[in-house]
């Protein structure tokens, strides 16, 4: 029988490898907002029980890579948006069907979009502090939204699909019908 500690260690090792890959992907040239960090925040919430792991891994990825890429004034907003987007992982923790995976990816992308662009409007001088300025800020960000959705949903579908396929492939086959 596998102990809880063994499962936790296994999850940390697997997630550690994912963290390394995701960190490296932030350095590879990619379209704006097309990174797997939001998907990783959802997966961390789904896979771990302790909040320090659920929210710590994605924030650690961001902090370590931002140390190389460079810090900016919107970091607190972006980090908070990643944590809030990751909350959709609690839906997948209860039920992971194709529709909940798609829904979680879409809702988390919307959360990230709304929060980060609100942060741009509040903290920068690019837009007037009016309702029209806020709408202009969101409007200017729309061309980047699909990249967030594609990356987030794509990674979630790939990870959950691979997990499902591996479970089905390695599930012991019954030699005889046991009905």
Foldseek 3Di string as FASTA:
>chain_A
DDDPVNLVVVVCVVLVVVLVVQLVVVVDDDPPQQGQLLLSLQVQVQRDDDPCRSLVSSVVSVVVSCVVVHDDPLVVQQSVLSNVLSVLSVVVNVPPDLVSLLVSLLVSLVSNLLRSLVVCLVPDPPFDPDPVRSVVSSVVCVVVSVSSSCNNSVVSCVVVVVVVVVCVVPPDDDPDDPD
